[in-house]
Amino acid sequence: PMAVVDLVTDQQSKRELQRIHEAKLS
């Protein structure tokens, strides 16, 4: 909770749940 993260994501407008490709703390 309340972690701030840098994400690389694959955003698809028709998809309800998106995908994360990379994540690290900001």
mmCIF file of all heavy atoms, coordinates in Angstrom:
data_MODEL
# 
_entry.id   MODEL 
# 
loop_
_atom_site.group_PDB 
_atom_site.id 
_atom_site.type_symbol 
_atom_site.label_atom_id 
_atom_site.label_alt_id 
_atom_site.label_comp_id 
_atom_site.label_asym_id 
_atom_site.label_entity_id 
_atom_site.label_seq_id 
_atom_site.pdbx_PDB_ins_code 
_atom_site.Cartn_x 
_atom_site.Cartn_y 
_atom_site.Cartn_z 
_atom_site.occupancy 
_atom_site.B_iso_or_equiv 
_atom_site.pdbx_formal_charge 
_atom_site.auth_seq_id 
_atom_site.auth_comp_id 
_atom_site.auth_asym_id 
_atom_site.auth_atom_id 
_atom_site.pdbx_PDB_model_num 
ATOM 1   N N   . PRO A 1 1  ? 0.806   -1.229  0.000   1.00 0.00 ? 1  PRO A N   1 
ATOM 2   C CA  . PRO A 1 1  ? 0.000   0.000   0.000   1.00 0.00 ? 1  PRO A CA  1 
ATOM 3   C C   . PRO A 1 1  ? 0.835   1.273   0.000   1.00 0.00 ? 1  PRO A C   1 
ATOM 4   O O   . PRO A 1 1  ? 1.777   1.406   0.786   1.00 0.00 ? 1  PRO A O   1 
ATOM 5   C CB  . PRO A 1 1  ? -0.820  -0.123  1.295   1.00 0.00 ? 1  PRO A CB  1 
ATOM 6   C CG  . PRO A 1 1  ? -0.914  -1.588  1.540   1.00 0.00 ? 1  PRO A CG  1 
ATOM 7   C CD  . PRO A 1 1  ? 0.394   -2.159  1.069   1.00 0.00 ? 1  PRO A CD  1 
ATOM 8   N N   . MET A 1 2  ? 0.523   2.174   -0.908  1.00 0.00 ? 2  MET A N   1 
ATOM 9   C CA  . MET A 1 2  ? 1.140   3.495   -1.046  1.00 0.00 ? 2  MET A CA  1 
ATOM 10  C C   . MET A 1 2  ? 2.566   3.437   -1.585  1.00 0.00 ? 2  MET A C   1 
ATOM 11  O O   . MET A 1 2  ? 3.273   4.445   -1.574  1.00 0.00 ? 2  MET A O   1 
ATOM 12  C CB  . MET A 1 2  ? 1.111   4.276   0.269   1.00 0.00 ? 2  MET A CB  1 
ATOM 13  C CG  . MET A 1 2  ? -0.284  4.651   0.720   1.00 0.00 ? 2  MET A CG  1 
ATOM 14  S SD  . MET A 1 2  ? -1.099  5.858   -0.332  1.00 0.00 ? 2  MET A SD  1 
ATOM 15  C CE  . MET A 1 2  ? -0.572  7.400   0.426   1.00 0.00 ? 2  MET A CE  1 
ATOM 16  N N   . ALA A 1 3  ? 3.017   2.299   -2.074  1.00 0.00 ? 3  ALA A N   1 
ATOM 17  C CA  . ALA A 1 3  ? 4.310   2.258   -2.745  1.00 0.00 ? 3  ALA A CA  1 
ATOM 18  C C   . ALA A 1 3  ? 4.210   3.051   -4.040  1.00 0.00 ? 3  ALA A C   1 
ATOM 19  O O   . ALA A 1 3  ? 3.186   3.018   -4.725  1.00 0.00 ? 3  ALA A O   1 
ATOM 20  C CB  . ALA A 1 3  ? 4.719   0.816   -3.039  1.00 0.00 ? 3  ALA A CB  1 
ATOM 21  N N   . VAL A 1 4  ? 5.280   3.775   -4.378  1.00 0.00 ? 4  VAL A N   1 
ATOM 22  C CA  . VAL A 1 4  ? 5.349   4.489   -5.654  1.00 0.00 ? 4  VAL A CA  1 
ATOM 23  C C   . VAL A 1 4  ? 6.312   3.718   -6.542  1.00 0.00 ? 4  VAL A C   1 
ATOM 24  O O   . VAL A 1 4  ? 7.479   3.511   -6.183  1.00 0.00 ? 4  VAL A O   1 
ATOM 25  C CB  . VAL A 1 4  ? 5.834   5.937   -5.478  1.00 0.00 ? 4  VAL A CB  1 
ATOM 26  C CG1 . VAL A 1 4  ? 5.768   6.684   -6.805  1.00 0.00 ? 4  VAL A CG1 1 
ATOM 27  C CG2 . VAL A 1 4  ? 5.003   6.661   -4.427  1.00 0.00 ? 4  VAL A CG2 1 
ATOM 28  N N   . VAL A 1 5  ? 5.824   3.273   -7.700  1.00 0.00 ? 5  VAL A N   1 
ATOM 29  C CA  . VAL A 1 5  ? 6.603   2.404   -8.566  1.00 0.00 ? 5  VAL A CA  1 
ATOM 30  C C   . VAL A 1 5  ? 6.703   2.978   -9.974  1.00 0.00 ? 5  VAL A C   1 
ATOM 31  O O   . VAL A 1 5  ? 5.802   3.678   -10.447 1.00 0.00 ? 5  VAL A O   1 
ATOM 32  C CB  . VAL A 1 5  ? 5.990   0.985   -8.632  1.00 0.00 ? 5  VAL A CB  1 
ATOM 33  C CG1 . VAL A 1 5  ? 6.165   0.264   -7.307  1.00 0.00 ? 5  VAL A CG1 1 
ATOM 34  C CG2 . VAL A 1 5  ? 4.504   1.046   -9.002  1.00 0.00 ? 5  VAL A CG2 1 
ATOM 35  N N   . ASP A 1 6  ? 7.827   2.693   -10.623 1.00 0.00 ? 6  ASP A N   1 
ATOM 36  C CA  . ASP A 1 6  ? 8.004   3.000   -12.043 1.00 0.00 ? 6  ASP A CA  1 
ATOM 37  C C   . ASP A 1 6  ? 7.619   1.750   -12.817 1.00 0.00 ? 6  ASP A C   1 
ATOM 38  O O   . ASP A 1 6  ? 8.190   0.669   -12.587 1.00 0.00 ? 6  ASP A O   1 
ATOM 39  C CB  . ASP A 1 6  ? 9.452   3.357   -12.344 1.00 0.00 ? 6  ASP A CB  1 
ATOM 40  C CG  . ASP A 1 6  ? 9.890   4.650   -11.677 1.00 0.00 ? 6  ASP A CG  1 
ATOM 41  O OD1 . ASP A 1 6  ? 9.013   5.492   -11.376 1.00 0.00 ? 6  ASP A OD1 1 
ATOM 42  O OD2 . ASP A 1 6  ? 11.100  4.815   -11.454 1.00 0.00 ? 6  ASP A OD2 1 
ATOM 43  N N   . LEU A 1 7  ? 6.679   1.891   -13.743 1.00 0.00 ? 7  LEU A N   1 
ATOM 44  C CA  . LEU A 1 7  ? 6.167   0.741   -14.487 1.00 0.00 ? 7  LEU A CA  1 
ATOM 45  C C   . LEU A 1 7  ? 6.436   0.876   -15.980 1.00 0.00 ? 7  LEU A C   1 
ATOM 46  O O   . LEU A 1 7  ? 6.363   1.978   -16.530 1.00 0.00 ? 7  LEU A O   1 
ATOM 47  C CB  . LEU A 1 7  ? 4.658   0.602   -14.277 1.00 0.00 ? 7  LEU A CB  1 
ATOM 48  C CG  . LEU A 1 7  ? 4.134   0.425   -12.851 1.00 0.00 ? 7  LEU A CG  1 
ATOM 49  C CD1 . LEU A 1 7  ? 2.610   0.350   -12.865 1.00 0.00 ? 7  LEU A CD1 1 
ATOM 50  C CD2 . LEU A 1 7  ? 4.738   -0.814  -12.202 1.00 0.00 ? 7  LEU A CD2 1 
ATOM 51  N N   . VAL A 1 8  ? 6.716   -0.244  -16.612 1.00 0.00 ? 8  VAL A N   1 
ATOM 52  C CA  . VAL A 1 8  ? 6.658   -0.369  -18.072 1.00 0.00 ? 8  VAL A CA  1 
ATOM 53  C C   . VAL A 1 8  ? 5.480   -1.282  -18.344 1.00 0.00 ? 8  VAL A C   1 
ATOM 54  O O   . VAL A 1 8  ? 5.442   -2.431  -17.856 1.00 0.00 ? 8  VAL A O   1 
ATOM 55  C CB  . VAL A 1 8  ? 7.957   -0.963  -18.648 1.00 0.00 ? 8  VAL A CB  1 
ATOM 56  C CG1 . VAL A 1 8  ? 7.818   -1.139  -20.164 1.00 0.00 ? 8  VAL A CG1 1 
ATOM 57  C CG2 . VAL A 1 8  ? 9.139   -0.062  -18.325 1.00 0.00 ? 8  VAL A CG2 1 
ATOM 58  N N   . THR A 1 9  ? 4.481   -0.770  -19.058 1.00 0.00 ? 9  THR A N   1 
ATOM 59  C CA  . THR A 1 9  ? 3.220   -1.488  -19.195 1.00 0.00 ? 9  THR A CA  1 
ATOM 60  C C   . THR A 1 9  ? 2.814   -1.648  -20.656 1.00 0.00 ? 9  THR A C   1 
ATOM 61  O O   . THR A 1 9  ? 3.298   -0.948  -21.545 1.00 0.00 ? 9  THR A O   1 
ATOM 62  C CB  . THR A 1 9  ? 2.081   -0.735  -18.464 1.00 0.00 ? 9  THR A CB  1 
ATOM 63  O OG1 . THR A 1 9  ? 1.775   0.475   -19.179 1.00 0.00 ? 9  THR A OG1 1 
ATOM 64  C CG2 . THR A 1 9  ? 2.479   -0.388  -17.051 1.00 0.00 ? 9  THR A CG2 1 
ATOM 65  N N   . ASP A 1 10 ? 1.910   -2.580  -20.846 1.00 0.00 ? 10 ASP A N   1 
ATOM 66  C CA  . ASP A 1 10 ? 1.291   -2.792  -22.154 1.00 0.00 ? 10 ASP A CA  1 
ATOM 67  C C   . ASP A 1 10 ? -0.180  -2.412  -22.004 1.00 0.00 ? 10 ASP A C   1 
ATOM 68  O O   . ASP A 1 10 ? -0.972  -3.186  -21.472 1.00 0.00 ? 10 ASP A O   1 
ATOM 69  C CB  . ASP A 1 10 ? 1.440   -4.251  -22.579 1.00 0.00 ? 10 ASP A CB  1 
ATOM 70  C CG  . ASP A 1 10 ? 0.752   -4.547  -23.903 1.00 0.00 ? 10 ASP A CG  1 
ATOM 71  O OD1 . ASP A 1 10 ? 0.435   -3.599  -24.638 1.00 0.00 ? 10 ASP A OD1 1 
ATOM 72  O OD2 . ASP A 1 10 ? 0.526   -5.742  -24.203 1.00 0.00 ? 10 ASP A OD2 1 
ATOM 73  N N   . GLN A 1 11 ? -0.530  -1.196  -22.438 1.00 0.00 ? 11 GLN A N   1 
ATOM 74  C CA  . GLN A 1 11 ? -1.894  -0.683  -22.260 1.00 0.00 ? 11 GLN A CA  1 
ATOM 75  C C   . GLN A 1 11 ? -2.744  -0.995  -23.495 1.00 0.00 ? 11 GLN A C   1 
ATOM 76  O O   . GLN A 1 11 ? -2.410  -0.588  -24.610 1.00 0.00 ? 11 GLN A O   1 
ATOM 77  C CB  . GLN A 1 11 ? -1.864  0.831   -22.050 1.00 0.00 ? 11 GLN A CB  1 
ATOM 78  C CG  . GLN A 1 11 ? -1.058  1.303   -20.845 1.00 0.00 ? 11 GLN A CG  1 
ATOM 79  C CD  . GLN A 1 11 ? -1.800  1.103   -19.544 1.00 0.00 ? 11 GLN A CD  1 
ATOM 80  O OE1 . GLN A 1 11 ? -1.265  0.553   -18.606 1.00 0.00 ? 11 GLN A OE1 1 
ATOM 81  N NE2 . GLN A 1 11 ? -3.028  1.552   -19.473 1.00 0.00 ? 11 GLN A NE2 1 
ATOM 82  N N   . GLN A 1 12 ? -3.832  -1.716  -23.285 1.00 0.00 ? 12 GLN A N   1 
ATOM 83  C CA  . GLN A 1 12 ? -4.777  -2.038  -24.357 1.00 0.00 ? 12 GLN A CA  1 
ATOM 84  C C   . GLN A 1 12 ? -6.156  -1.534  -23.947 1.00 0.00 ? 12 GLN A C   1 
ATOM 85  O O   . GLN A 1 12 ? -6.682  -1.946  -22.908 1.00 0.00 ? 12 GLN A O   1 
ATOM 86  C CB  . GLN A 1 12 ? -4.816  -3.543  -24.610 1.00 0.00 ? 12 GLN A CB  1 
ATOM 87  C CG  . GLN A 1 12 ? -3.486  -4.154  -25.010 1.00 0.00 ? 12 GLN A CG  1 
ATOM 88  C CD  . GLN A 1 12 ? -3.072  -3.766  -26.410 1.00 0.00 ? 12 GLN A CD  1 
ATOM 89  O OE1 . GLN A 1 12 ? -3.912  -3.430  -27.251 1.00 0.00 ? 12 GLN A OE1 1 
ATOM 90  N NE2 . GLN A 1 12 ? -1.766  -3.797  -26.677 1.00 0.00 ? 12 GLN A NE2 1 
ATOM 91  N N   . SER A 1 13 ? -6.740  -0.632  -24.742 1.00 0.00 ? 13 SER A N   1 
ATOM 92  C CA  . SER A 1 13 ? -7.987  0.035   -24.344 1.00 0.00 ? 13 SER A CA  1 
ATOM 93  C C   . SER A 1 13 ? -9.145  -0.940  -24.134 1.00 0.00 ? 13 SER A C   1 
ATOM 94  O O   . SER A 1 13 ? -10.035 -0.686  -23.331 1.00 0.00 ? 13 SER A O   1 
ATOM 95  C CB  . SER A 1 13 ? -8.378  1.077   -25.393 1.00 0.00 ? 13 SER A CB  1 
ATOM 96  O OG  . SER A 1 13 ? -8.545  0.472   -26.668 1.00 0.00 ? 13 SER A OG  1 
ATOM 97  N N   . LYS A 1 14 ? -9.148  -2.063  -24.827 1.00 0.00 ? 14 LYS A N   1 
ATOM 98  C CA  . LYS A 1 14 ? -10.255 -3.007  -24.724 1.00 0.00 ? 14 LYS A CA  1 
ATOM 99  C C   . LYS A 1 14 ? -10.070 -3.997  -23.572 1.00 0.00 ? 14 LYS A C   1 
ATOM 100 O O   . LYS A 1 14 ? -10.959 -4.809  -23.306 1.00 0.00 ? 14 LYS A O   1 
ATOM 101 C CB  . LYS A 1 14 ? -10.420 -3.772  -26.039 1.00 0.00 ? 14 LYS A CB  1 
ATOM 102 C CG  . LYS A 1 14 ? -10.829 -2.886  -27.216 1.00 0.00 ? 14 LYS A CG  1 
ATOM 103 C CD  . LYS A 1 14 ? -11.022 -3.709  -28.479 1.00 0.00 ? 14 LYS A CD  1 
ATOM 104 C CE  . LYS A 1 14 ? -11.433 -2.822  -29.653 1.00 0.00 ? 14 LYS A CE  1 
ATOM 105 N NZ  . LYS A 1 14 ? -11.612 -3.617  -30.896 1.00 0.00 ? 14 LYS A NZ  1 
ATOM 106 N N   . ARG A 1 15 ? -8.935  -3.917  -22.895 1.00 0.00 ? 15 ARG A N   1 
ATOM 107 C CA  . ARG A 1 15 ? -8.632  -4.880  -21.847 1.00 0.00 ? 15 ARG A CA  1 
ATOM 108 C C   . ARG A 1 15 ? -8.919  -4.274  -20.476 1.00 0.00 ? 15 ARG A C   1 
ATOM 109 O O   . ARG A 1 15 ? -8.483  -3.172  -20.170 1.00 0.00 ? 15 ARG A O   1 
ATOM 110 C CB  . ARG A 1 15 ? -7.161  -5.284  -21.957 1.00 0.00 ? 15 ARG A CB  1 
ATOM 111 C CG  . ARG A 1 15 ? -6.795  -6.533  -21.195 1.00 0.00 ? 15 ARG A CG  1 
ATOM 112 C CD  . ARG A 1 15 ? -5.485  -7.121  -21.730 1.00 0.00 ? 15 ARG A CD  1 
ATOM 113 N NE  . ARG A 1 15 ? -4.384  -6.168  -21.637 1.00 0.00 ? 15 ARG A NE  1 
ATOM 114 C CZ  . ARG A 1 15 ? -3.244  -6.295  -22.304 1.00 0.00 ? 15 ARG A CZ  1 
ATOM 115 N NH1 . ARG A 1 15 ? -3.076  -7.318  -23.126 1.00 0.00 ? 15 ARG A NH1 1 
ATOM 116 N NH2 . ARG A 1 15 ? -2.280  -5.405  -22.152 1.00 0.00 ? 15 ARG A NH2 1 
ATOM 117 N N   . GLU A 1 16 ? -9.656  -4.974  -19.650 1.00 0.00 ? 16 GLU A N   1 
ATOM 118 C CA  . GLU A 1 16 ? -10.004 -4.470  -18.323 1.00 0.00 ? 16 GLU A CA  1 
ATOM 119 C C   . GLU A 1 16 ? -8.810  -4.512  -17.377 1.00 0.00 ? 16 GLU A C   1 
ATOM 120 O O   . GLU A 1 16 ? -8.609  -3.593  -16.575 1.00 0.00 ? 16 GLU A O   1 
ATOM 121 C CB  . GLU A 1 16 ? -11.160 -5.291  -17.743 1.00 0.00 ? 16 GLU A CB  1 
ATOM 122 C CG  . GLU A 1 16 ? -11.672 -4.771  -16.411 1.00 0.00 ? 16 GLU A CG  1 
ATOM 123 C CD  . GLU A 1 16 ? -12.898 -5.514  -15.938 1.00 0.00 ? 16 GLU A CD  1 
ATOM 124 O OE1 . GLU A 1 16 ? -13.530 -6.214  -16.755 1.00 0.00 ? 16 GLU A OE1 1 
ATOM 125 O OE2 . GLU A 1 16 ? -13.225 -5.412  -14.744 1.00 0.00 ? 16 GLU A OE2 1 
ATOM 126 N N   . LEU A 1 17 ? -8.017  -5.564  -17.448 1.00 0.00 ? 17 LEU A N   1 
ATOM 127 C CA  . LEU A 1 17 ? -6.815  -5.705  -16.628 1.00 0.00 ? 17 LEU A CA  1 
ATOM 128 C C   . LEU A 1 17 ? -5.598  -5.592  -17.537 1.00 0.00 ? 17 LEU A C   1 
ATOM 129 O O   . LEU A 1 17 ? -5.425  -6.396  -18.461 1.00 0.00 ? 17 LEU A O   1 
ATOM 130 C CB  . LEU A 1 17 ? -6.811  -7.048  -15.899 1.00 0.00 ? 17 LEU A CB  1 
ATOM 131 C CG  . LEU A 1 17 ? -7.921  -7.247  -14.853 1.00 0.00 ? 17 LEU A CG  1 
ATOM 132 C CD1 . LEU A 1 17 ? -7.913  -8.680  -14.328 1.00 0.00 ? 17 LEU A CD1 1 
ATOM 133 C CD2 . LEU A 1 17 ? -7.758  -6.262  -13.702 1.00 0.00 ? 17 LEU A CD2 1 
ATOM 134 N N   . GLN A 1 18 ? -4.766  -4.595  -17.263 1.00 0.00 ? 18 GLN A N   1 
ATOM 135 C CA  . GLN A 1 18 ? -3.596  -4.350  -18.098 1.00 0.00 ? 18 GLN A CA  1 
ATOM 136 C C   . GLN A 1 18 ? -2.424  -5.229  -17.644 1.00 0.00 ? 18 GLN A C   1 
ATOM 137 O O   . GLN A 1 18 ? -2.507  -5.945  -16.647 1.00 0.00 ? 18 GLN A O   1 
ATOM 138 C CB  . GLN A 1 18 ? -3.228  -2.869  -18.040 1.00 0.00 ? 18 GLN A CB  1 
ATOM 139 C CG  . GLN A 1 18 ? -4.372  -1.929  -18.422 1.00 0.00 ? 18 GLN A CG  1 
ATOM 140 C CD  . GLN A 1 18 ? -4.848  -2.121  -19.855 1.00 0.00 ? 18 GLN A CD  1 
ATOM 141 O OE1 . GLN A 1 18 ? -4.104  -2.594  -20.715 1.00 0.00 ? 18 GLN A OE1 1 
ATOM 142 N NE2 . GLN A 1 18 ? -6.101  -1.755  -20.123 1.00 0.00 ? 18 GLN A NE2 1 
ATOM 143 N N   . ARG A 1 19 ? -1.316  -5.166  -18.395 1.00 0.00 ? 19 ARG A N   1 
ATOM 144 C CA  . ARG A 1 19 ? -0.150  -6.006  -18.121 1.00 0.00 ? 19 ARG A CA  1 
ATOM 145 C C   . ARG A 1 19 ? 1.052   -5.144  -17.737 1.00 0.00 ? 19 ARG A C   1 
ATOM 146 O O   . ARG A 1 19 ? 1.262   -4.073  -18.307 1.00 0.00 ? 19 ARG A O   1 
ATOM 147 C CB  . ARG A 1 19 ? 0.216   -6.856  -19.343 1.00 0.00 ? 19 ARG A CB  1 
ATOM 148 C CG  . ARG A 1 19 ? -0.917  -7.755  -19.835 1.00 0.00 ? 19 ARG A CG  1 
ATOM 149 C CD  . ARG A 1 19 ? -1.193  -8.919  -18.895 1.00 0.00 ? 19 ARG A CD  1 
ATOM 150 N NE  . ARG A 1 19 ? -2.116  -9.870  -19.494 1.00 0.00 ? 19 ARG A NE  1 
ATOM 151 C CZ  . ARG A 1 19 ? -3.423  -9.832  -19.368 1.00 0.00 ? 19 ARG A CZ  1 
ATOM 152 N NH1 . ARG A 1 19 ? -3.979  -8.871  -18.654 1.00 0.00 ? 19 ARG A NH1 1 
ATOM 153 N NH2 . ARG A 1 19 ? -4.202  -10.740 -19.943 1.00 0.00 ? 19 ARG A NH2 1 
ATOM 154 N N   . ILE A 1 20 ? 1.849   -5.635  -16.788 1.00 0.00 ? 20 ILE A N   1 
ATOM 155 C CA  . ILE A 1 20 ? 3.094   -4.976  -16.385 1.00 0.00 ? 20 ILE A CA  1 
ATOM 156 C C   . ILE A 1 20 ? 4.267   -5.776  -16.936 1.00 0.00 ? 20 ILE A C   1 
ATOM 157 O O   . ILE A 1 20 ? 4.356   -6.985  -16.719 1.00 0.00 ? 20 ILE A O   1 
ATOM 158 C CB  . ILE A 1 20 ? 3.213   -4.890  -14.850 1.00 0.00 ? 20 ILE A CB  1 
ATOM 159 C CG1 . ILE A 1 20 ? 2.020   -4.141  -14.252 1.00 0.00 ? 20 ILE A CG1 1 
ATOM 160 C CG2 . ILE A 1 20 ? 4.519   -4.193  -14.454 1.00 0.00 ? 20 ILE A CG2 1 
ATOM 161 C CD1 . ILE A 1 20 ? 1.986   -4.160  -12.730 1.00 0.00 ? 20 ILE A CD1 1 
ATOM 162 N N   . HIS A 1 21 ? 5.165   -5.093  -17.632 1.00 0.00 ? 21 HIS A N   1 
ATOM 163 C CA  . HIS A 1 21 ? 6.359   -5.761  -18.164 1.00 0.00 ? 21 HIS A CA  1 
ATOM 164 C C   . HIS A 1 21 ? 7.563   -5.591  -17.242 1.00 0.00 ? 21 HIS A C   1 
ATOM 165 O O   . HIS A 1 21 ? 8.388   -6.501  -17.138 1.00 0.00 ? 21 HIS A O   1 
ATOM 166 C CB  . HIS A 1 21 ? 6.686   -5.224  -19.563 1.00 0.00 ? 21 HIS A CB  1 
ATOM 167 C CG  . HIS A 1 21 ? 5.811   -5.798  -20.630 1.00 0.00 ? 21 HIS A CG  1 
ATOM 168 N ND1 . HIS A 1 21 ? 6.247   -6.738  -21.536 1.00 0.00 ? 21 HIS A ND1 1 
ATOM 169 C CD2 . HIS A 1 21 ? 4.507   -5.571  -20.921 1.00 0.00 ? 21 HIS A CD2 1 
ATOM 170 C CE1 . HIS A 1 21 ? 5.244   -7.068  -22.340 1.00 0.00 ? 21 HIS A CE1 1 
ATOM 171 N NE2 . HIS A 1 21 ? 4.181   -6.364  -21.996 1.00 0.00 ? 21 HIS A NE2 1 
ATOM 172 N N   . GLU A 1 22 ? 7.662   -4.415  -16.607 1.00 0.00 ? 22 GLU A N   1 
ATOM 173 C CA  . GLU A 1 22 ? 8.756   -4.172  -15.672 1.00 0.00 ? 22 GLU A CA  1 
ATOM 174 C C   . GLU A 1 22 ? 8.242   -3.287  -14.545 1.00 0.00 ? 22 GLU A C   1 
ATOM 175 O O   . GLU A 1 22 ? 7.342   -2.455  -14.755 1.00 0.00 ? 22 GLU A O   1 
ATOM 176 C CB  . GLU A 1 22 ? 9.937   -3.477  -16.364 1.00 0.00 ? 22 GLU A CB  1 
ATOM 177 C CG  . GLU A 1 22 ? 10.623  -4.291  -17.442 1.00 0.00 ? 22 GLU A CG  1 
ATOM 178 C CD  . GLU A 1 22 ? 11.779  -3.535  -18.069 1.00 0.00 ? 22 GLU A CD  1 
ATOM 179 O OE1 . GLU A 1 22 ? 12.436  -2.741  -17.346 1.00 0.00 ? 22 GLU A OE1 1 
ATOM 180 O OE2 . GLU A 1 22 ? 12.029  -3.727  -19.273 1.00 0.00 ? 22 GLU A OE2 1 
ATOM 181 N N   . ALA A 1 23 ? 8.838   -3.436  -13.358 1.00 0.00 ? 23 ALA A N   1 
ATOM 182 C CA  . ALA A 1 23 ? 8.454   -2.606  -12.217 1.00 0.00 ? 23 ALA A CA  1 
ATOM 183 C C   . ALA A 1 23 ? 9.649   -2.430  -11.287 1.00 0.00 ? 23 ALA A C   1 
ATOM 184 O O   . ALA A 1 23 ? 10.413  -3.367  -11.057 1.00 0.00 ? 23 ALA A O   1 
ATOM 185 C CB  . ALA A 1 23 ? 7.295   -3.241  -11.452 1.00 0.00 ? 23 ALA A CB  1 
ATOM 186 N N   . LYS A 1 24 ? 9.784   -1.215  -10.758 1.00 0.00 ? 24 LYS A N   1 
ATOM 187 C CA  . LYS A 1 24 ? 10.803  -0.935  -9.745  1.00 0.00 ? 24 LYS A CA  1 
ATOM 188 C C   . LYS A 1 24 ? 10.317  0.227   -8.896  1.00 0.00 ? 24 LYS A C   1 
ATOM 189 O O   . LYS A 1 24 ? 9.450   1.012   -9.324  1.00 0.00 ? 24 LYS A O   1 
ATOM 190 C CB  . LYS A 1 24 ? 12.153  -0.607  -10.373 1.00 0.00 ? 24 LYS A CB  1 
ATOM 191 C CG  . LYS A 1 24 ? 12.152  0.659   -11.202 1.00 0.00 ? 24 LYS A CG  1 
ATOM 192 C CD  . LYS A 1 24 ? 13.540  0.933   -11.781 1.00 0.00 ? 24 LYS A CD  1 
ATOM 193 C CE  . LYS A 1 24 ? 13.541  2.234   -12.586 1.00 0.00 ? 24 LYS A CE  1 
ATOM 194 N NZ  . LYS A 1 24 ? 14.875  2.545   -13.144 1.00 0.00 ? 24 LYS A NZ  1 
ATOM 195 N N   . LEU A 1 25 ? 10.836  0.358   -7.685  1.00 0.00 ? 25 LEU A N   1 
ATOM 196 C CA  . LEU A 1 25 ? 10.459  1.464   -6.818  1.00 0.00 ? 25 LEU A CA  1 
ATOM 197 C C   . LEU A 1 25 ? 10.960  2.782   -7.389  1.00 0.00 ? 25 LEU A C   1 
ATOM 198 O O   . LEU A 1 25 ? 12.080  2.871   -7.906  1.00 0.00 ? 25 LEU A O   1 
ATOM 199 C CB  . LEU A 1 25 ? 11.032  1.272   -5.416  1.00 0.00 ? 25 LEU A CB  1 
ATOM 200 C CG  . LEU A 1 25 ? 10.390  0.205   -4.524  1.00 0.00 ? 25 LEU A CG  1 
ATOM 201 C CD1 . LEU A 1 25 ? 11.153  0.111   -3.213  1.00 0.00 ? 25 LEU A CD1 1 
ATOM 202 C CD2 . LEU A 1 25 ? 8.922   0.512   -4.263  1.00 0.00 ? 25 LEU A CD2 1 
ATOM 203 N N   . SER A 1 26 ? 10.130  3.820   -7.282  1.00 0.00 ? 26 SER A N   1 
ATOM 204 C CA  . SER A 1 26 ? 10.544  5.150   -7.735  1.00 0.00 ? 26 SER A CA  1 
ATOM 205 C C   . SER A 1 26 ? 11.598  5.745   -6.814  1.00 0.00 ? 26 SER A C   1 
ATOM 206 O O   . SER A 1 26 ? 12.477  6.479   -7.249  1.00 0.00 ? 26 SER A O   1 
ATOM 207 C CB  . SER A 1 26 ? 9.331   6.081   -7.807  1.00 0.00 ? 26 SER A CB  1 
ATOM 208 O OG  . SER A 1 26 ? 8.438   5.662   -8.810  1.00 0.00 ? 26 SER A OG  1 
# 
